[in-house]
Amino acid sequence: MTNEEIIEKIRETLSEEFEVDIDLIQSDAPLMQTLELDSLDLVDMVVLIERNFGFNVTGQDFVGIKTFQDFYNLVITRMAENKNE
Protein backbone atom coordinates (compact mmCIF):
# COMPACT_ATOMS: atom_id res chain seq x y z
CA MET A 1 0.00 0.00 0.00
CA THR A 2 1.45 3.40 -0.96
CA ASN A 3 1.52 6.37 1.42
CA GLU A 4 -1.22 8.03 -0.63
CA GLU A 5 -3.40 4.92 -0.33
CA ILE A 6 -2.79 4.78 3.42
CA ILE A 7 -3.75 8.46 3.80
CA GLU A 8 -6.92 7.97 1.75
CA LYS A 9 -7.89 4.93 3.82
CA ILE A 10 -7.33 6.93 7.01
CA ARG A 11 -9.45 9.82 5.72
CA GLU A 12 -12.30 7.53 4.68
CA THR A 13 -12.19 5.56 7.94
CA LEU A 14 -12.14 8.65 10.16
CA SER A 15 -14.85 10.37 8.16
CA GLU A 16 -17.14 7.38 8.46
CA GLU A 17 -16.38 6.52 12.09
CA PHE A 18 -16.61 10.05 13.49
CA GLU A 19 -19.27 11.30 11.03
CA VAL A 20 -17.21 14.20 9.71
CA ASP A 21 -17.22 15.49 6.14
CA ILE A 22 -14.15 14.00 4.46
CA ASP A 23 -13.33 17.42 2.98
CA LEU A 24 -12.62 18.70 6.52
CA ILE A 25 -9.90 16.07 6.97
CA GLN A 26 -6.93 17.97 5.58
CA SER A 27 -3.25 17.45 6.39
CA ASP A 28 -2.83 20.72 8.29
CA ALA A 29 -6.21 20.60 10.09
CA PRO A 30 -6.18 20.01 13.87
CA LEU A 31 -7.09 16.37 14.47
CA MET A 32 -8.81 16.61 17.85
CA GLN A 33 -10.89 19.70 17.03
CA THR A 34 -11.89 18.60 13.53
CA LEU A 35 -13.12 15.21 14.73
CA GLU A 36 -14.42 16.69 18.02
CA LEU A 37 -12.61 13.96 19.96
CA ASP A 38 -12.80 13.47 23.70
CA SER A 39 -10.90 10.90 25.77
CA LEU A 40 -13.44 8.15 25.03
CA ASP A 41 -13.15 8.84 21.32
CA LEU A 42 -9.39 8.28 21.57
CA VAL A 43 -10.13 4.75 22.74
CA ASP A 44 -12.25 4.30 19.61
CA MET A 45 -9.36 5.67 17.56
CA VAL A 46 -6.98 3.08 19.06
CA VAL A 47 -9.40 0.26 18.18
CA LEU A 48 -9.83 1.67 14.66
CA ILE A 49 -6.08 1.70 14.09
CA GLU A 50 -5.63 -1.82 15.38
CA ARG A 51 -8.53 -3.15 13.30
CA ASN A 52 -7.75 -1.31 10.05
CA PHE A 53 -3.98 -1.06 10.02
CA GLY A 54 -2.81 -4.09 11.99
CA PHE A 55 -0.67 -2.57 14.73
CA ASN A 56 -1.19 -1.58 18.35
CA VAL A 57 -0.97 1.95 19.69
CA THR A 58 -1.14 3.45 23.15
CA GLY A 59 -2.16 6.82 24.47
CA GLN A 60 1.53 7.68 24.56
CA ASP A 61 1.65 7.35 20.77
CA PHE A 62 -0.77 10.28 20.54
CA VAL A 63 1.47 12.66 22.45
CA GLY A 64 2.55 15.25 19.93
CA ILE A 65 -0.19 14.39 17.43
CA LYS A 66 -1.74 17.74 16.59
CA THR A 67 -2.67 17.61 12.90
CA PHE A 68 -3.89 14.94 10.54
CA GLN A 69 -0.42 14.95 8.96
CA ASP A 70 1.08 14.01 12.34
CA PHE A 71 -1.42 11.15 12.51
CA TYR A 72 -0.69 10.05 8.93
CA ASN A 73 3.03 10.03 9.74
CA LEU A 74 2.42 7.84 12.81
CA VAL A 75 0.41 5.27 10.85
CA ILE A 76 2.78 5.24 7.85
CA THR A 77 5.86 4.87 10.09
CA ARG A 78 4.35 2.09 12.19
CA MET A 79 3.13 0.20 9.12
CA ALA A 80 6.61 0.41 7.61
CA GLU A 81 8.15 -0.86 10.85
CA ASN A 82 5.73 -3.80 10.95
CA LYS A 83 6.48 -4.66 7.32
CA ASN A 84 10.22 -4.76 8.05
CA GLU A 85 9.85 -7.10 11.02
PDB file of N, CA and C in Angstrom:
ATOM      1  N   MET A   1       0.853  -1.174   0.000  1.00  0.00           N
ATOM      2  CA  MET A   1       0.000   0.000   0.000  1.00  0.00           C
ATOM      3  C   MET A   1       0.904   1.245   0.000  1.00  0.00           C
ATOM      4  N   THR A   2       0.638   2.178  -0.900  1.00  0.00           N
ATOM      5  CA  THR A   2       1.447   3.400  -0.965  1.00  0.00           C
ATOM      6  C   THR A   2       1.020   4.358   0.158  1.00  0.00           C
ATOM      7  N   ASN A   3       1.863   5.360   0.408  1.00  0.00           N
ATOM      8  CA  ASN A   3       1.523   6.367   1.417  1.00  0.00           C
ATOM      9  C   ASN A   3       0.214   7.068   1.081  1.00  0.00           C
ATOM     10  N   GLU A   4       0.004   7.361  -0.206  1.00  0.00           N
ATOM     11  CA  GLU A   4      -1.225   8.026  -0.627  1.00  0.00           C
ATOM     12  C   GLU A   4      -2.443   7.143  -0.351  1.00  0.00           C
ATOM     13  N   GLU A   5      -2.302   5.844  -0.598  1.00  0.00           N
ATOM     14  CA  GLU A   5      -3.405   4.916  -0.333  1.00  0.00           C
ATOM     15  C   GLU A   5      -3.690   4.817   1.172  1.00  0.00           C
ATOM     16  N   ILE A   6      -2.635   4.817   1.967  1.00  0.00           N
ATOM     17  CA  ILE A   6      -2.793   4.784   3.423  1.00  0.00           C
ATOM     18  C   ILE A   6      -3.545   6.037   3.889  1.00  0.00           C
ATOM     19  N   ILE A   7      -3.115   7.196   3.412  1.00  0.00           N
ATOM     20  CA  ILE A   7      -3.752   8.460   3.800  1.00  0.00           C
ATOM     21  C   ILE A   7      -5.223   8.462   3.400  1.00  0.00           C
ATOM     22  N   GLU A   8      -5.527   8.005   2.198  1.00  0.00           N
ATOM     23  CA  GLU A   8      -6.920   7.975   1.749  1.00  0.00           C
ATOM     24  C   GLU A   8      -7.748   7.018   2.605  1.00  0.00           C
ATOM     25  N   LYS A   9      -7.179   5.880   2.958  1.00  0.00           N
ATOM     26  CA  LYS A   9      -7.893   4.927   3.822  1.00  0.00           C
ATOM     27  C   LYS A   9      -8.145   5.549   5.201  1.00  0.00           C
ATOM     28  N   ILE A  10      -7.153   6.257   5.721  1.00  0.00           N
ATOM     29  CA  ILE A  10      -7.325   6.933   7.013  1.00  0.00           C
ATOM     30  C   ILE A  10      -8.450   7.952   6.920  1.00  0.00           C
ATOM     31  N   ARG A  11      -8.420   8.778   5.892  1.00  0.00           N
ATOM     32  CA  ARG A  11      -9.445   9.824   5.723  1.00  0.00           C
ATOM     33  C   ARG A  11     -10.842   9.211   5.649  1.00  0.00           C
ATOM     34  N   GLU A  12     -10.992   8.172   4.834  1.00  0.00           N
ATOM     35  CA  GLU A  12     -12.299   7.533   4.681  1.00  0.00           C
ATOM     36  C   GLU A  12     -12.760   6.905   5.998  1.00  0.00           C
ATOM     37  N   THR A  13     -11.852   6.226   6.681  1.00  0.00           N
ATOM     38  CA  THR A  13     -12.188   5.560   7.935  1.00  0.00           C
ATOM     39  C   THR A  13     -12.599   6.566   9.000  1.00  0.00           C
ATOM     40  N   LEU A  14     -11.824   7.633   9.156  1.00  0.00           N
ATOM     41  CA  LEU A  14     -12.136   8.645  10.163  1.00  0.00           C
ATOM     42  C   LEU A  14     -13.431   9.375   9.835  1.00  0.00           C
ATOM     43  N   SER A  15     -13.641   9.687   8.570  1.00  0.00           N
ATOM     44  CA  SER A  15     -14.854  10.370   8.156  1.00  0.00           C
ATOM     45  C   SER A  15     -16.086   9.544   8.503  1.00  0.00           C
ATOM     46  N   GLU A  16     -16.009   8.266   8.199  1.00  0.00           N
ATOM     47  CA  GLU A  16     -17.140   7.376   8.463  1.00  0.00           C
ATOM     48  C   GLU A  16     -17.346   7.160   9.958  1.00  0.00           C
ATOM     49  N   GLU A  17     -16.279   6.854  10.668  1.00  0.00           N
ATOM     50  CA  GLU A  17     -16.381   6.517  12.091  1.00  0.00           C
ATOM     51  C   GLU A  17     -16.842   7.704  12.944  1.00  0.00           C
ATOM     52  N   PHE A  18     -16.314   8.888  12.659  1.00  0.00           N
ATOM     53  CA  PHE A  18     -16.609  10.054  13.488  1.00  0.00           C
ATOM     54  C   PHE A  18     -17.620  11.002  12.844  1.00  0.00           C
ATOM     55  N   GLU A  19     -18.212  10.561  11.726  1.00  0.00           N
ATOM     56  CA  GLU A  19     -19.270  11.299  11.034  1.00  0.00           C
ATOM     57  C   GLU A  19     -18.882  12.751  10.753  1.00  0.00           C
ATOM     58  N   VAL A  20     -17.737  12.884  10.093  1.00  0.00           N
ATOM     59  CA  VAL A  20     -17.211  14.196   9.713  1.00  0.00           C
ATOM     60  C   VAL A  20     -17.055  14.210   8.192  1.00  0.00           C
ATOM     61  N   ASP A  21     -17.393  15.339   7.578  1.00  0.00           N
ATOM     62  CA  ASP A  21     -17.225  15.495   6.137  1.00  0.00           C
ATOM     63  C   ASP A  21     -15.756  15.251   5.783  1.00  0.00           C
ATOM     64  N   ILE A  22     -15.523  14.358   4.835  1.00  0.00           N
ATOM     65  CA  ILE A  22     -14.148  13.996   4.457  1.00  0.00           C
ATOM     66  C   ILE A  22     -13.349  15.209   3.990  1.00  0.00           C
ATOM     67  N   ASP A  23     -14.024  16.223   3.446  1.00  0.00           N
ATOM     68  CA  ASP A  23     -13.328  17.421   2.980  1.00  0.00           C
ATOM     69  C   ASP A  23     -12.719  18.224   4.130  1.00  0.00           C
ATOM     70  N   LEU A  24     -13.192  18.013   5.348  1.00  0.00           N
ATOM     71  CA  LEU A  24     -12.620  18.696   6.519  1.00  0.00           C
ATOM     72  C   LEU A  24     -11.327  18.041   6.984  1.00  0.00           C
ATOM     73  N   ILE A  25     -11.095  16.813   6.549  1.00  0.00           N
ATOM     74  CA  ILE A  25      -9.904  16.070   6.972  1.00  0.00           C
ATOM     75  C   ILE A  25      -8.765  16.409   6.018  1.00  0.00           C
ATOM     76  N   GLN A  26      -8.059  17.478   6.361  1.00  0.00           N
ATOM     77  CA  GLN A  26      -6.935  17.973   5.575  1.00  0.00           C
ATOM     78  C   GLN A  26      -5.650  17.839   6.394  1.00  0.00           C
ATOM     79  N   SER A  27      -4.533  17.703   5.719  1.00  0.00           N
ATOM     80  CA  SER A  27      -3.247  17.452   6.388  1.00  0.00           C
ATOM     81  C   SER A  27      -2.942  18.421   7.516  1.00  0.00           C
ATOM     82  N   ASP A  28      -3.212  19.708   7.300  1.00  0.00           N
ATOM     83  CA  ASP A  28      -2.833  20.717   8.293  1.00  0.00           C
ATOM     84  C   ASP A  28      -3.941  21.029   9.296  1.00  0.00           C
ATOM     85  N   ALA A  29      -5.093  20.362   9.166  1.00  0.00           N
ATOM     86  CA  ALA A  29      -6.209  20.602  10.092  1.00  0.00           C
ATOM     87  C   ALA A  29      -5.919  19.965  11.453  1.00  0.00           C
ATOM     88  N   PRO A  30      -6.387  20.589  12.527  1.00  0.00           N
ATOM     89  CA  PRO A  30      -6.183  20.009  13.868  1.00  0.00           C
ATOM     90  C   PRO A  30      -7.053  18.766  14.049  1.00  0.00           C
ATOM     91  N   LEU A  31      -6.420  17.654  14.361  1.00  0.00           N
ATOM     92  CA  LEU A  31      -7.094  16.366  14.466  1.00  0.00           C
ATOM     93  C   LEU A  31      -8.204  16.358  15.521  1.00  0.00           C
ATOM     94  N   MET A  32      -7.869  16.704  16.742  1.00  0.00           N
ATOM     95  CA  MET A  32      -8.815  16.610  17.855  1.00  0.00           C
ATOM     96  C   MET A  32     -10.036  17.513  17.637  1.00  0.00           C
ATOM     97  N   GLN A  33      -9.798  18.753  17.217  1.00  0.00           N
ATOM     98  CA  GLN A  33     -10.895  19.700  17.035  1.00  0.00           C
ATOM     99  C   GLN A  33     -11.764  19.333  15.833  1.00  0.00           C
ATOM    100  N   THR A  34     -11.145  18.926  14.738  1.00  0.00           N
ATOM    101  CA  THR A  34     -11.894  18.600  13.527  1.00  0.00           C
ATOM    102  C   THR A  34     -12.823  17.413  13.766  1.00  0.00           C
ATOM    103  N   LEU A  35     -12.314  16.403  14.461  1.00  0.00           N
ATOM    104  CA  LEU A  35     -13.118  15.211  14.729  1.00  0.00           C
ATOM    105  C   LEU A  35     -13.941  15.337  16.009  1.00  0.00           C
ATOM    106  N   GLU A  36     -13.732  16.452  16.739  1.00  0.00           N
ATOM    107  CA  GLU A  36     -14.416  16.692  18.022  1.00  0.00           C
ATOM    108  C   GLU A  36     -14.218  15.509  18.969  1.00  0.00           C
ATOM    109  N   LEU A  37     -12.950  15.130  19.151  1.00  0.00           N
ATOM    110  CA  LEU A  37     -12.611  13.963  19.962  1.00  0.00           C
ATOM    111  C   LEU A  37     -12.518  14.305  21.440  1.00  0.00           C
ATOM    112  N   ASP A  38     -13.039  13.400  22.264  1.00  0.00           N
ATOM    113  CA  ASP A  38     -12.800  13.465  23.703  1.00  0.00           C
ATOM    114  C   ASP A  38     -11.995  12.219  24.075  1.00  0.00           C
ATOM    115  N   SER A  39     -11.750  12.011  25.356  1.00  0.00           N
ATOM    116  CA  SER A  39     -10.895  10.899  25.766  1.00  0.00           C
ATOM    117  C   SER A  39     -11.498   9.542  25.394  1.00  0.00           C
ATOM    118  N   LEU A  40     -12.807   9.410  25.434  1.00  0.00           N
ATOM    119  CA  LEU A  40     -13.438   8.146  25.030  1.00  0.00           C
ATOM    120  C   LEU A  40     -13.284   7.905  23.533  1.00  0.00           C
ATOM    121  N   ASP A  41     -13.338   8.978  22.757  1.00  0.00           N
ATOM    122  CA  ASP A  41     -13.147   8.842  21.316  1.00  0.00           C
ATOM    123  C   ASP A  41     -11.737   8.378  20.981  1.00  0.00           C
ATOM    124  N   LEU A  42     -10.766   8.747  21.806  1.00  0.00           N
ATOM    125  CA  LEU A  42      -9.391   8.280  21.568  1.00  0.00           C
ATOM    126  C   LEU A  42      -9.310   6.770  21.702  1.00  0.00           C
ATOM    127  N   VAL A  43     -10.083   6.210  22.616  1.00  0.00           N
ATOM    128  CA  VAL A  43     -10.132   4.749  22.744  1.00  0.00           C
ATOM    129  C   VAL A  43     -10.671   4.149  21.445  1.00  0.00           C
ATOM    130  N   ASP A  44     -11.716   4.760  20.894  1.00  0.00           N
ATOM    131  CA  ASP A  44     -12.250   4.303  19.610  1.00  0.00           C
ATOM    132  C   ASP A  44     -11.195   4.405  18.511  1.00  0.00           C
ATOM    133  N   MET A  45     -10.413   5.465  18.551  1.00  0.00           N
ATOM    134  CA  MET A  45      -9.363   5.673  17.558  1.00  0.00           C
ATOM    135  C   MET A  45      -8.322   4.552  17.635  1.00  0.00           C
ATOM    136  N   VAL A  46      -7.949   4.164  18.860  1.00  0.00           N
ATOM    137  CA  VAL A  46      -6.979   3.079  19.057  1.00  0.00           C
ATOM    138  C   VAL A  46      -7.525   1.785  18.449  1.00  0.00           C
ATOM    139  N   VAL A  47      -8.783   1.477  18.721  1.00  0.00           N
ATOM    140  CA  VAL A  47      -9.402   0.264  18.180  1.00  0.00           C
ATOM    141  C   VAL A  47      -9.449   0.325  16.654  1.00  0.00           C
ATOM    142  N   LEU A  48      -9.788   1.488  16.118  1.00  0.00           N
ATOM    143  CA  LEU A  48      -9.827   1.668  14.665  1.00  0.00           C
ATOM    144  C   LEU A  48      -8.474   1.378  14.022  1.00  0.00           C
ATOM    145  N   ILE A  49      -7.427   1.898  14.623  1.00  0.00           N
ATOM    146  CA  ILE A  49      -6.080   1.695  14.089  1.00  0.00           C
ATOM    147  C   ILE A  49      -5.725   0.219  14.116  1.00  0.00           C
ATOM    148  N   GLU A  50      -5.966  -0.407  15.257  1.00  0.00           N
ATOM    149  CA  GLU A  50      -5.635  -1.820  15.383  1.00  0.00           C
ATOM    150  C   GLU A  50      -6.403  -2.662  14.371  1.00  0.00           C
ATOM    151  N   ARG A  51      -7.678  -2.370  14.197  1.00  0.00           N
ATOM    152  CA  ARG A  51      -8.531  -3.151  13.300  1.00  0.00           C
ATOM    153  C   ARG A  51      -8.200  -2.902  11.822  1.00  0.00           C
ATOM    154  N   ASN A  52      -7.931  -1.652  11.464  1.00  0.00           N
ATOM    155  CA  ASN A  52      -7.755  -1.311  10.048  1.00  0.00           C
ATOM    156  C   ASN A  52      -6.317  -1.330   9.551  1.00  0.00           C
ATOM    157  N   PHE A  53      -5.363  -1.179  10.474  1.00  0.00           N
ATOM    158  CA  PHE A  53      -3.976  -1.061  10.023  1.00  0.00           C
ATOM    159  C   PHE A  53      -3.044  -2.104  10.627  1.00  0.00           C
ATOM    160  N   GLY A  54      -3.545  -2.923  11.533  1.00  0.00           N
ATOM    161  CA  GLY A  54      -2.812  -4.090  11.995  1.00  0.00           C
ATOM    162  C   GLY A  54      -1.658  -3.850  12.952  1.00  0.00           C
ATOM    163  N   PHE A  55      -1.694  -2.763  13.696  1.00  0.00           N
ATOM    164  CA  PHE A  55      -0.672  -2.572  14.731  1.00  0.00           C
ATOM    165  C   PHE A  55      -1.311  -1.933  15.947  1.00  0.00           C
ATOM    166  N   ASN A  56      -0.666  -2.104  17.087  1.00  0.00           N
ATOM    167  CA  ASN A  56      -1.188  -1.580  18.347  1.00  0.00           C
ATOM    168  C   ASN A  56      -0.607  -0.205  18.636  1.00  0.00           C
ATOM    169  N   VAL A  57      -1.423   0.641  19.242  1.00  0.00           N
ATOM    170  CA  VAL A  57      -0.970   1.953  19.690  1.00  0.00           C
ATOM    171  C   VAL A  57      -1.414   2.144  21.135  1.00  0.00           C
ATOM    172  N   THR A  58      -0.771   3.093  21.780  1.00  0.00           N
ATOM    173  CA  THR A  58      -1.135   3.445  23.146  1.00  0.00           C
ATOM    174  C   THR A  58      -1.430   4.941  23.190  1.00  0.00           C
ATOM    175  N   GLY A  59      -1.927   5.386  24.301  1.00  0.00           N
ATOM    176  CA  GLY A  59      -2.161   6.819  24.469  1.00  0.00           C
ATOM    177  C   GLY A  59      -0.885   7.613  24.290  1.00  0.00           C
ATOM    178  N   GLN A  60       0.228   7.012  24.690  1.00  0.00           N
ATOM    179  CA  GLN A  60       1.528   7.682  24.565  1.00  0.00           C
ATOM    180  C   GLN A  60       1.862   7.984  23.099  1.00  0.00           C
ATOM    181  N   ASP A  61       1.396   7.128  22.192  1.00  0.00           N
ATOM    182  CA  ASP A  61       1.650   7.350  20.770  1.00  0.00           C
ATOM    183  C   ASP A  61       0.990   8.628  20.263  1.00  0.00           C
ATOM    184  N   PHE A  62      -0.052   9.092  20.968  1.00  0.00           N
ATOM    185  CA  PHE A  62      -0.775  10.278  20.535  1.00  0.00           C
ATOM    186  C   PHE A  62      -0.180  11.577  21.078  1.00  0.00           C
ATOM    187  N   VAL A  63       0.798  11.458  21.962  1.00  0.00           N
ATOM    188  CA  VAL A  63       1.470  12.660  22.453  1.00  0.00           C
ATOM    189  C   VAL A  63       2.179  13.307  21.262  1.00  0.00           C
ATOM    190  N   GLY A  64       1.920  14.554  21.048  1.00  0.00           N
ATOM    191  CA  GLY A  64       2.548  15.253  19.931  1.00  0.00           C
ATOM    192  C   GLY A  64       1.738  15.207  18.642  1.00  0.00           C
ATOM    193  N   ILE A  65       0.665  14.432  18.615  1.00  0.00           N
ATOM    194  CA  ILE A  65      -0.193  14.386  17.425  1.00  0.00           C
ATOM    195  C   ILE A  65      -1.138  15.583  17.485  1.00  0.00           C
ATOM    196  N   LYS A  66      -0.912  16.532  16.625  1.00  0.00           N
ATOM    197  CA  LYS A  66      -1.738  17.741  16.592  1.00  0.00           C
ATOM    198  C   LYS A  66      -2.592  17.802  15.325  1.00  0.00           C
ATOM    199  N   THR A  67      -1.980  17.491  14.188  1.00  0.00           N
ATOM    200  CA  THR A  67      -2.667  17.607  12.902  1.00  0.00           C
ATOM    201  C   THR A  67      -2.896  16.225  12.294  1.00  0.00           C
ATOM    202  N   PHE A  68      -3.699  16.209  11.249  1.00  0.00           N
ATOM    203  CA  PHE A  68      -3.893  14.945  10.539  1.00  0.00           C
ATOM    204  C   PHE A  68      -2.580  14.449   9.953  1.00  0.00           C
ATOM    205  N   GLN A  69      -1.706  15.369   9.516  1.00  0.00           N
ATOM    206  CA  GLN A  69      -0.421  14.946   8.962  1.00  0.00           C
ATOM    207  C   GLN A  69       0.404  14.215  10.018  1.00  0.00           C
ATOM    208  N   ASP A  70       0.385  14.709  11.253  1.00  0.00           N
ATOM    209  CA  ASP A  70       1.077  14.008  12.335  1.00  0.00           C
ATOM    210  C   ASP A  70       0.536  12.587  12.473  1.00  0.00           C
ATOM    211  N   PHE A  71      -0.782  12.457  12.396  1.00  0.00           N
ATOM    212  CA  PHE A  71      -1.417  11.147  12.514  1.00  0.00           C
ATOM    213  C   PHE A  71      -1.053  10.257  11.330  1.00  0.00           C
ATOM    214  N   TYR A  72      -1.081  10.817  10.114  1.00  0.00           N
ATOM    215  CA  TYR A  72      -0.687  10.055   8.927  1.00  0.00           C
ATOM    216  C   TYR A  72       0.742   9.538   9.101  1.00  0.00           C
ATOM    217  N   ASN A  73       1.629  10.414   9.570  1.00  0.00           N
ATOM    218  CA  ASN A  73       3.030  10.026   9.744  1.00  0.00           C
ATOM    219  C   ASN A  73       3.165   8.872  10.732  1.00  0.00           C
ATOM    220  N   LEU A  74       2.400   8.919  11.826  1.00  0.00           N
ATOM    221  CA  LEU A  74       2.425   7.836  12.812  1.00  0.00           C
ATOM    222  C   LEU A  74       2.033   6.518  12.160  1.00  0.00           C
ATOM    223  N   VAL A  75       0.905   6.511  11.462  1.00  0.00           N
ATOM    224  CA  VAL A  75       0.410   5.275  10.849  1.00  0.00           C
ATOM    225  C   VAL A  75       1.383   4.768   9.791  1.00  0.00           C
ATOM    226  N   ILE A  76       1.857   5.638   8.917  1.00  0.00           N
ATOM    227  CA  ILE A  76       2.784   5.239   7.849  1.00  0.00           C
ATOM    228  C   ILE A  76       4.067   4.667   8.439  1.00  0.00           C
ATOM    229  N   THR A  77       4.611   5.334   9.453  1.00  0.00           N
ATOM    230  CA  THR A  77       5.855   4.873  10.087  1.00  0.00           C
ATOM    231  C   THR A  77       5.670   3.510  10.734  1.00  0.00           C
ATOM    232  N   ARG A  78       4.596   3.360  11.492  1.00  0.00           N
ATOM    233  CA  ARG A  78       4.353   2.090  12.189  1.00  0.00           C
ATOM    234  C   ARG A  78       4.080   0.954  11.213  1.00  0.00           C
ATOM    235  N   MET A  79       3.376   1.240  10.119  1.00  0.00           N
ATOM    236  CA  MET A  79       3.127   0.197   9.117  1.00  0.00           C
ATOM    237  C   MET A  79       4.433  -0.224   8.454  1.00  0.00           C
ATOM    238  N   ALA A  80       5.313   0.728   8.201  1.00  0.00           N
ATOM    239  CA  ALA A  80       6.610   0.409   7.606  1.00  0.00           C
ATOM    240  C   ALA A  80       7.451  -0.436   8.567  1.00  0.00           C
ATOM    241  N   GLU A  81       7.413  -0.094   9.846  1.00  0.00           N
ATOM    242  CA  GLU A  81       8.150  -0.859  10.849  1.00  0.00           C
ATOM    243  C   GLU A  81       7.635  -2.298  10.909  1.00  0.00           C
ATOM    244  N   ASN A  82       6.321  -2.463  10.889  1.00  0.00           N
ATOM    245  CA  ASN A  82       5.733  -3.801  10.951  1.00  0.00           C
ATOM    246  C   ASN A  82       6.085  -4.626   9.724  1.00  0.00           C
ATOM    247  N   LYS A  83       6.153  -3.966   8.559  1.00  0.00           N
ATOM    248  CA  LYS A  83       6.484  -4.662   7.322  1.00  0.00           C
ATOM    249  C   LYS A  83       7.929  -5.155   7.348  1.00  0.00           C
ATOM    250  N   ASN A  84       8.801  -4.411   8.008  1.00  0.00           N
ATOM    251  CA  ASN A  84      10.217  -4.764   8.054  1.00  0.00           C
ATOM    252  C   ASN A  84      10.546  -5.816   9.107  1.00  0.00           C
ATOM    253  N   GLU A  85       9.591  -6.122   9.968  1.00  0.00           N
ATOM    254  CA  GLU A  85       9.855  -7.104  11.015  1.00  0.00           C
ATOM    255  C   GLU A  85       9.701  -8.507  10.512  1.00  0.00           C
TER     256      GLU A  85
END
